[in-house]
Amino acid sequence: MITTNEAHPSNWFGTQGSPVLPARVVDSIHTALTAGWMPENPGLPFHLNQSAGFVSPH
């Protein structure tokens, strides 16, 4: 599970979001693997927080 620093594209609070592009997904997967994510192991979701710098409009 990844928390990003961007608004969701369907956000209706006035902040325009943008889609998550494949390159961002690849980068996030590499970051999660480096941070200890082991996708072959069952269990609880792995949380990756990439929300640094996010400012909510509200």
C-alpha atoms as a PDB file:
ATOM      1  CA  MET A   1       0.000   0.000   0.000  1.00  0.00           C
ATOM      2  CA  ILE A   2       1.546   3.300  -1.083  1.00  0.00           C
ATOM      3  CA  THR A   3       0.650   6.762   0.142  1.00  0.00           C
ATOM      4  CA  THR A   4       1.786   9.353  -2.383  1.00  0.00           C
ATOM      5  CA  ASN A   5       2.257  13.105  -2.236  1.00  0.00           C
ATOM      6  CA  GLU A   6      -0.390  13.745  -4.901  1.00  0.00           C
ATOM      7  CA  ALA A   7      -4.139  14.146  -4.834  1.00  0.00           C
ATOM      8  CA  HIS A   8      -6.271  11.306  -6.187  1.00  0.00           C
ATOM      9  CA  PRO A   9      -7.503  11.957  -9.769  1.00  0.00           C
ATOM     10  CA  SER A  10     -11.141  11.713  -8.634  1.00  0.00           C
ATOM     11  CA  ASN A  11     -10.584  14.276  -5.858  1.00  0.00           C
ATOM     12  CA  TRP A  12     -13.484  16.720  -5.710  1.00  0.00           C
ATOM     13  CA  PHE A  13     -11.984  19.125  -3.151  1.00  0.00           C
ATOM     14  CA  GLY A  14     -10.595  21.348  -5.894  1.00  0.00           C
ATOM     15  CA  THR A  15      -7.064  19.973  -6.102  1.00  0.00           C
ATOM     16  CA  GLN A  16      -6.535  18.392  -9.499  1.00  0.00           C
ATOM     17  CA  GLY A  17      -4.905  14.989  -9.259  1.00  0.00           C
ATOM     18  CA  SER A  18      -2.979  13.172 -11.941  1.00  0.00           C
ATOM     19  CA  PRO A  19      -2.824   9.499 -12.852  1.00  0.00           C
ATOM     20  CA  VAL A  20      -0.042   7.320 -11.497  1.00  0.00           C
ATOM     21  CA  LEU A  21       2.186   6.499 -14.450  1.00  0.00           C
ATOM     22  CA  PRO A  22       3.952   3.136 -14.914  1.00  0.00           C
ATOM     23  CA  ALA A  23       7.401   4.643 -14.227  1.00  0.00           C
ATOM     24  CA  ARG A  24       6.178   5.821 -10.813  1.00  0.00           C
ATOM     25  CA  VAL A  25       4.838   2.347 -10.067  1.00  0.00           C
ATOM     26  CA  VAL A  26       8.203   0.776 -10.963  1.00  0.00           C
ATOM     27  CA  ASP A  27      10.055   3.308  -8.800  1.00  0.00           C
ATOM     28  CA  SER A  28       7.695   2.664  -5.888  1.00  0.00           C
ATOM     29  CA  ILE A  29       8.161  -1.098  -6.188  1.00  0.00           C
ATOM     30  CA  HIS A  30      11.944  -0.704  -6.135  1.00  0.00           C
ATOM     31  CA  THR A  31      11.695   1.600  -3.117  1.00  0.00           C
ATOM     32  CA  ALA A  32       9.420  -0.844  -1.280  1.00  0.00           C
ATOM     33  CA  LEU A  33      11.770  -3.745  -1.987  1.00  0.00           C
ATOM     34  CA  THR A  34      14.696  -1.700  -0.661  1.00  0.00           C
ATOM     35  CA  ALA A  35      12.626  -0.840   2.442  1.00  0.00           C
ATOM     36  CA  GLY A  36      12.033  -4.512   3.207  1.00  0.00           C
ATOM     37  CA  TRP A  37       8.906  -5.509   1.270  1.00  0.00           C
ATOM     38  CA  MET A  38       8.951  -9.215   0.495  1.00  0.00           C
ATOM     39  CA  PRO A  39       6.018  -9.788  -1.892  1.00  0.00           C
ATOM     40  CA  GLU A  40       6.433 -13.569  -1.759  1.00  0.00           C
ATOM     41  CA  ASN A  41       5.637 -13.609   1.977  1.00  0.00           C
ATOM     42  CA  PRO A  42       1.953 -13.621   2.970  1.00  0.00           C
ATOM     43  CA  GLY A  43       0.749 -11.398   5.747  1.00  0.00           C
ATOM     44  CA  LEU A  44      -0.301  -7.856   6.429  1.00  0.00           C
ATOM     45  CA  PRO A  45       0.012  -5.213   3.698  1.00  0.00           C
ATOM     46  CA  PHE A  46       3.347  -3.421   3.442  1.00  0.00           C
ATOM     47  CA  HIS A  47       2.892   0.341   3.862  1.00  0.00           C
ATOM     48  CA  LEU A  48       5.165   2.677   1.908  1.00  0.00           C
ATOM     49  CA  ASN A  49       4.725   6.352   2.725  1.00  0.00           C
ATOM     50  CA  GLN A  50       5.850   8.639  -0.111  1.00  0.00           C
ATOM     51  CA  SER A  51       3.734  11.573   1.015  1.00  0.00           C
ATOM     52  CA  ALA A  52       6.558  13.905   2.050  1.00  0.00           C
ATOM     53  CA  GLY A  53       5.684  17.416   0.944  1.00  0.00           C
ATOM     54  CA  PHE A  54       1.950  16.751   0.549  1.00  0.00           C
ATOM     55  CA  VAL A  55      -0.150  19.738   1.508  1.00  0.00           C
ATOM     56  CA  SER A  56      -3.902  19.249   1.792  1.00  0.00           C
ATOM     57  CA  PRO A  57      -6.012  22.070   0.346  1.00  0.00           C
ATOM     58  CA  HIS A  58      -8.240  21.832   3.462  1.00  0.00           C
END
